[in-house]
Amino acid sequence: MQNFKLALIGVIAAIVAAPAFAAPIDGSATLAAPARADRVVSENGIWHCAGDSCTGTTLAATGAAVAACTAVAAVNGRVNAFAVGGISFGEAELKRCNRHVKS
């Protein structure tokens, strides 16, 4: 029984820690205007911007991707398009991304 408890604790710890070890994936952003900064640090990666385009990495989780998009928008202004791992944001995700950007 003691071994079962230890195994169960190990499995639970692995499940909880798994998101922390998720591999980053590539993303891209298209800005409404030329970038004001060439580098943006988000909670999950560094984004490099030139002109109206930014590229970087983030985690696949939707929350992490929105956080990365929000970081890019906070530094460089409105984001018109954002994609992570080849999947583009829809209108709802872009609205969340740009929620703090002043028009």
N, C-alpha and C. Protein backbone atom coordinates (compact mmCIF):
# COMPACT_ATOMS: atom_id res chain seq x y z
N MET A 1 0.82 -1.20 0.00
CA MET A 1 0.00 0.00 0.00
C MET A 1 0.87 1.27 0.00
N GLN A 2 1.96 1.22 0.76
CA GLN A 2 2.86 2.37 0.82
C GLN A 2 3.45 2.65 -0.55
N ASN A 3 3.83 1.59 -1.29
CA ASN A 3 4.38 1.78 -2.63
C ASN A 3 3.36 2.40 -3.57
N PHE A 4 2.10 2.01 -3.42
CA PHE A 4 1.03 2.57 -4.25
C PHE A 4 0.89 4.06 -4.00
N LYS A 5 0.93 4.46 -2.75
CA LYS A 5 0.82 5.87 -2.40
C LYS A 5 1.98 6.68 -2.99
N LEU A 6 3.19 6.12 -2.89
CA LEU A 6 4.34 6.82 -3.43
C LEU A 6 4.25 6.93 -4.95
N ALA A 7 3.79 5.86 -5.60
CA ALA A 7 3.63 5.90 -7.05
C ALA A 7 2.58 6.92 -7.45
N LEU A 8 1.48 6.97 -6.71
CA LEU A 8 0.41 7.92 -6.99
C LEU A 8 0.92 9.36 -6.83
N ILE A 9 1.68 9.62 -5.80
CA ILE A 9 2.24 10.94 -5.60
C ILE A 9 3.18 11.30 -6.75
N GLY A 10 3.97 10.34 -7.21
CA GLY A 10 4.86 10.58 -8.34
C GLY A 10 4.11 10.91 -9.61
N VAL A 11 3.02 10.19 -9.87
CA VAL A 11 2.21 10.45 -11.07
C VAL A 11 1.58 11.84 -10.99
N ILE A 12 1.04 12.19 -9.85
CA ILE A 12 0.43 13.50 -9.68
C ILE A 12 1.47 14.60 -9.86
N ALA A 13 2.65 14.42 -9.32
CA ALA A 13 3.71 15.43 -9.47
C ALA A 13 4.10 15.58 -10.93
N ALA A 14 4.17 14.49 -11.66
CA ALA A 14 4.53 14.55 -13.08
C ALA A 14 3.47 15.28 -13.88
N ILE A 15 2.21 15.05 -13.56
CA ILE A 15 1.11 15.71 -14.27
C ILE A 15 1.13 17.21 -14.00
N VAL A 16 1.34 17.57 -12.77
CA VAL A 16 1.36 18.99 -12.39
C VAL A 16 2.56 19.69 -13.02
N ALA A 17 3.70 19.02 -13.08
CA ALA A 17 4.92 19.64 -13.60
C ALA A 17 4.98 19.63 -15.12
N ALA A 18 4.21 18.81 -15.79
CA ALA A 18 4.30 18.65 -17.25
C ALA A 18 4.20 19.98 -18.01
N PRO A 19 3.26 20.88 -17.68
CA PRO A 19 3.19 22.14 -18.43
C PRO A 19 4.46 22.97 -18.33
N ALA A 20 5.19 22.85 -17.24
CA ALA A 20 6.41 23.63 -17.08
C ALA A 20 7.50 23.17 -18.05
N PHE A 21 7.41 21.93 -18.53
CA PHE A 21 8.40 21.39 -19.43
C PHE A 21 7.93 21.34 -20.88
N ALA A 22 6.81 21.96 -21.18
CA ALA A 22 6.29 21.97 -22.54
C ALA A 22 7.25 22.70 -23.46
N ALA A 23 7.43 22.15 -24.64
CA ALA A 23 8.35 22.75 -25.61
C ALA A 23 7.73 24.00 -26.23
N PRO A 24 8.51 25.05 -26.37
CA PRO A 24 7.98 26.25 -27.02
C PRO A 24 7.76 26.00 -28.51
N ILE A 25 6.82 26.72 -29.08
CA ILE A 25 6.55 26.62 -30.51
C ILE A 25 6.63 28.01 -31.13
N ASP A 26 6.87 28.05 -32.43
CA ASP A 26 7.04 29.32 -33.14
C ASP A 26 5.72 30.04 -33.33
N GLY A 27 5.80 31.36 -33.29
CA GLY A 27 4.63 32.19 -33.52
C GLY A 27 4.98 33.41 -34.34
N SER A 28 3.95 34.08 -34.82
CA SER A 28 4.16 35.31 -35.58
C SER A 28 3.02 36.28 -35.31
N ALA A 29 3.33 37.55 -35.45
CA ALA A 29 2.33 38.60 -35.26
C ALA A 29 2.48 39.63 -36.38
N THR A 30 1.35 40.17 -36.80
CA THR A 30 1.34 41.28 -37.75
C THR A 30 0.74 42.48 -37.03
N LEU A 31 1.49 43.55 -36.99
CA LEU A 31 1.07 44.75 -36.27
C LEU A 31 0.29 45.69 -37.18
N ALA A 32 -0.52 46.53 -36.57
CA ALA A 32 -1.29 47.53 -37.31
C ALA A 32 -0.40 48.67 -37.79
N ALA A 33 0.73 48.87 -37.12
CA ALA A 33 1.67 49.96 -37.48
C ALA A 33 3.09 49.43 -37.23
N PRO A 34 4.09 50.10 -37.76
CA PRO A 34 5.46 49.64 -37.53
C PRO A 34 5.78 49.52 -36.04
N ALA A 35 6.58 48.52 -35.71
CA ALA A 35 6.95 48.25 -34.32
C ALA A 35 7.70 49.42 -33.70
N ARG A 36 7.40 49.70 -32.45
CA ARG A 36 8.11 50.75 -31.70
C ARG A 36 9.37 50.18 -31.05
N ALA A 37 9.37 48.86 -30.80
CA ALA A 37 10.52 48.20 -30.17
C ALA A 37 10.85 46.95 -30.97
N ASP A 38 12.13 46.64 -31.05
CA ASP A 38 12.52 45.47 -31.84
C ASP A 38 12.56 44.19 -31.01
N ARG A 39 12.39 44.30 -29.70
CA ARG A 39 12.42 43.13 -28.82
C ARG A 39 11.34 43.25 -27.76
N VAL A 40 10.57 42.16 -27.60
CA VAL A 40 9.52 42.12 -26.59
C VAL A 40 9.73 40.85 -25.77
N VAL A 41 9.76 40.98 -24.46
CA VAL A 41 9.89 39.83 -23.58
C VAL A 41 8.52 39.52 -23.01
N SER A 42 8.03 38.32 -23.30
CA SER A 42 6.77 37.86 -22.72
C SER A 42 7.09 36.87 -21.61
N GLU A 43 6.10 36.40 -20.90
CA GLU A 43 6.37 35.47 -19.81
C GLU A 43 6.88 34.12 -20.31
N ASN A 44 6.74 33.82 -21.60
CA ASN A 44 7.15 32.52 -22.13
C ASN A 44 8.17 32.60 -23.25
N GLY A 45 8.70 33.75 -23.54
CA GLY A 45 9.69 33.83 -24.62
C GLY A 45 10.02 35.26 -25.01
N ILE A 46 10.91 35.36 -25.98
CA ILE A 46 11.33 36.66 -26.50
C ILE A 46 10.84 36.77 -27.93
N TRP A 47 10.27 37.92 -28.26
CA TRP A 47 9.76 38.20 -29.60
C TRP A 47 10.61 39.28 -30.24
N HIS A 48 10.91 39.09 -31.52
CA HIS A 48 11.71 40.05 -32.27
C HIS A 48 10.83 40.68 -33.34
N CYS A 49 10.87 42.00 -33.42
CA CYS A 49 9.98 42.73 -34.32
C CYS A 49 10.77 43.64 -35.25
N ALA A 50 10.27 43.74 -36.48
CA ALA A 50 10.84 44.65 -37.48
C ALA A 50 9.70 45.04 -38.41
N GLY A 51 9.60 46.33 -38.68
CA GLY A 51 8.48 46.79 -39.50
C GLY A 51 7.18 46.47 -38.80
N ASP A 52 6.27 45.82 -39.52
CA ASP A 52 4.98 45.47 -38.90
C ASP A 52 4.89 43.99 -38.58
N SER A 53 6.03 43.30 -38.48
CA SER A 53 6.04 41.86 -38.21
C SER A 53 6.86 41.52 -36.97
N CYS A 54 6.39 40.53 -36.23
CA CYS A 54 7.12 40.02 -35.07
C CYS A 54 7.13 38.50 -35.15
N THR A 55 8.23 37.90 -34.68
CA THR A 55 8.32 36.45 -34.57
C THR A 55 8.89 36.12 -33.21
N GLY A 56 8.49 34.96 -32.70
CA GLY A 56 8.99 34.52 -31.41
C GLY A 56 8.48 33.15 -31.08
N THR A 57 8.64 32.77 -29.82
CA THR A 57 8.16 31.47 -29.37
C THR A 57 7.27 31.65 -28.14
N THR A 58 6.39 30.70 -27.96
CA THR A 58 5.53 30.67 -26.78
C THR A 58 5.13 29.23 -26.56
N LEU A 59 4.38 28.98 -25.53
CA LEU A 59 3.87 27.64 -25.28
C LEU A 59 2.58 27.44 -26.07
N ALA A 60 2.25 26.20 -26.33
CA ALA A 60 1.08 25.89 -27.15
C ALA A 60 -0.24 26.23 -26.46
N ALA A 61 -0.25 26.29 -25.15
CA ALA A 61 -1.48 26.56 -24.43
C ALA A 61 -2.07 27.90 -24.85
N THR A 62 -3.38 27.94 -25.01
CA THR A 62 -4.04 29.16 -25.46
C THR A 62 -3.74 30.34 -24.55
N GLY A 63 -3.77 30.13 -23.25
CA GLY A 63 -3.49 31.22 -22.31
C GLY A 63 -2.10 31.79 -22.49
N ALA A 64 -1.12 30.93 -22.71
CA ALA A 64 0.25 31.38 -22.93
C ALA A 64 0.37 32.15 -24.23
N ALA A 65 -0.32 31.68 -25.27
CA ALA A 65 -0.28 32.37 -26.56
C ALA A 65 -0.93 33.74 -26.46
N VAL A 66 -2.05 33.83 -25.77
CA VAL A 66 -2.72 35.13 -25.59
C VAL A 66 -1.83 36.06 -24.77
N ALA A 67 -1.14 35.52 -23.77
CA ALA A 67 -0.23 36.35 -22.97
C ALA A 67 0.92 36.88 -23.83
N ALA A 68 1.45 36.06 -24.72
CA ALA A 68 2.52 36.51 -25.62
C ALA A 68 2.00 37.59 -26.55
N CYS A 69 0.83 37.38 -27.12
CA CYS A 69 0.23 38.37 -28.01
C CYS A 69 -0.03 39.67 -27.27
N THR A 70 -0.51 39.58 -26.06
CA THR A 70 -0.78 40.76 -25.24
C THR A 70 0.51 41.52 -24.95
N ALA A 71 1.61 40.80 -24.70
CA ALA A 71 2.89 41.46 -24.45
C ALA A 71 3.37 42.21 -25.69
N VAL A 72 3.22 41.60 -26.85
CA VAL A 72 3.61 42.26 -28.10
C VAL A 72 2.75 43.51 -28.30
N ALA A 73 1.44 43.38 -28.08
CA ALA A 73 0.53 44.52 -28.25
C ALA A 73 0.83 45.64 -27.26
N ALA A 74 1.17 45.29 -26.03
CA ALA A 74 1.45 46.30 -25.01
C ALA A 74 2.66 47.15 -25.37
N VAL A 75 3.64 46.56 -26.02
CA VAL A 75 4.85 47.29 -26.38
C VAL A 75 4.74 47.97 -27.74
N ASN A 76 4.13 47.27 -28.70
CA ASN A 76 4.16 47.74 -30.09
C ASN A 76 2.82 48.18 -30.67
N GLY A 77 1.76 48.12 -29.89
CA GLY A 77 0.46 48.55 -30.40
C GLY A 77 -0.38 47.42 -30.95
N ARG A 78 -1.50 47.79 -31.53
CA ARG A 78 -2.51 46.82 -31.98
C ARG A 78 -1.93 45.73 -32.87
N VAL A 79 -2.33 44.47 -32.56
CA VAL A 79 -1.95 43.31 -33.35
C VAL A 79 -3.12 42.95 -34.26
N ASN A 80 -2.89 42.92 -35.57
CA ASN A 80 -3.94 42.59 -36.53
C ASN A 80 -4.07 41.10 -36.78
N ALA A 81 -2.97 40.36 -36.63
CA ALA A 81 -2.99 38.91 -36.86
C ALA A 81 -1.94 38.27 -35.95
N PHE A 82 -2.26 37.09 -35.44
CA PHE A 82 -1.35 36.37 -34.55
C PHE A 82 -1.56 34.89 -34.78
N ALA A 83 -0.46 34.16 -34.90
CA ALA A 83 -0.53 32.70 -35.11
C ALA A 83 0.54 32.02 -34.29
N VAL A 84 0.22 30.85 -33.77
CA VAL A 84 1.16 30.04 -33.01
C VAL A 84 1.04 28.61 -33.53
N GLY A 85 2.17 28.03 -33.89
CA GLY A 85 2.16 26.66 -34.38
C GLY A 85 1.32 26.49 -35.63
N GLY A 86 1.23 27.54 -36.44
CA GLY A 86 0.45 27.46 -37.67
C GLY A 86 -1.05 27.66 -37.48
N ILE A 87 -1.48 27.91 -36.27
CA ILE A 87 -2.90 28.14 -35.99
C ILE A 87 -3.11 29.62 -35.71
N SER A 88 -3.94 30.25 -36.50
CA SER A 88 -4.20 31.68 -36.38
C SER A 88 -5.26 31.97 -35.33
N PHE A 89 -5.08 33.10 -34.65
CA PHE A 89 -6.08 33.58 -33.71
C PHE A 89 -7.34 33.99 -34.46
N GLY A 90 -8.46 33.76 -33.84
CA GLY A 90 -9.73 34.25 -34.35
C GLY A 90 -10.00 35.63 -33.76
N GLU A 91 -11.17 36.14 -34.08
CA GLU A 91 -11.55 37.48 -33.62
C GLU A 91 -11.56 37.59 -32.09
N ALA A 92 -12.05 36.57 -31.40
CA ALA A 92 -12.14 36.61 -29.94
C ALA A 92 -10.75 36.67 -29.29
N GLU A 93 -9.81 35.86 -29.80
CA GLU A 93 -8.47 35.86 -29.24
C GLU A 93 -7.76 37.19 -29.50
N LEU A 94 -7.94 37.74 -30.72
CA LEU A 94 -7.33 39.04 -31.03
C LEU A 94 -7.91 40.14 -30.16
N LYS A 95 -9.20 40.06 -29.87
CA LYS A 95 -9.82 41.05 -28.99
C LYS A 95 -9.19 40.98 -27.60
N ARG A 96 -8.99 39.76 -27.08
CA ARG A 96 -8.32 39.61 -25.78
C ARG A 96 -6.89 40.12 -25.84
N CYS A 97 -6.21 39.84 -26.92
CA CYS A 97 -4.83 40.29 -27.10
C CYS A 97 -4.72 41.80 -27.05
N ASN A 98 -5.62 42.48 -27.71
CA ASN A 98 -5.57 43.94 -27.86
C ASN A 98 -6.37 44.70 -26.80
N ARG A 99 -6.84 44.04 -25.80
CA ARG A 99 -7.79 44.67 -24.85
C ARG A 99 -7.21 45.87 -24.13
N HIS A 100 -5.89 45.97 -23.99
CA HIS A 100 -5.31 47.11 -23.26
C HIS A 100 -4.72 48.17 -24.20
N VAL A 101 -4.83 47.93 -25.49
CA VAL A 101 -4.27 48.88 -26.46
C VAL A 101 -5.26 50.02 -26.66
N LYS A 102 -4.75 51.23 -26.56
CA LYS A 102 -5.61 52.39 -26.80
C LYS A 102 -5.67 52.66 -28.29
N SER A 103 -6.84 52.94 -28.78
CA SER A 103 -7.03 53.15 -30.23
C SER A 103 -6.32 54.38 -30.72
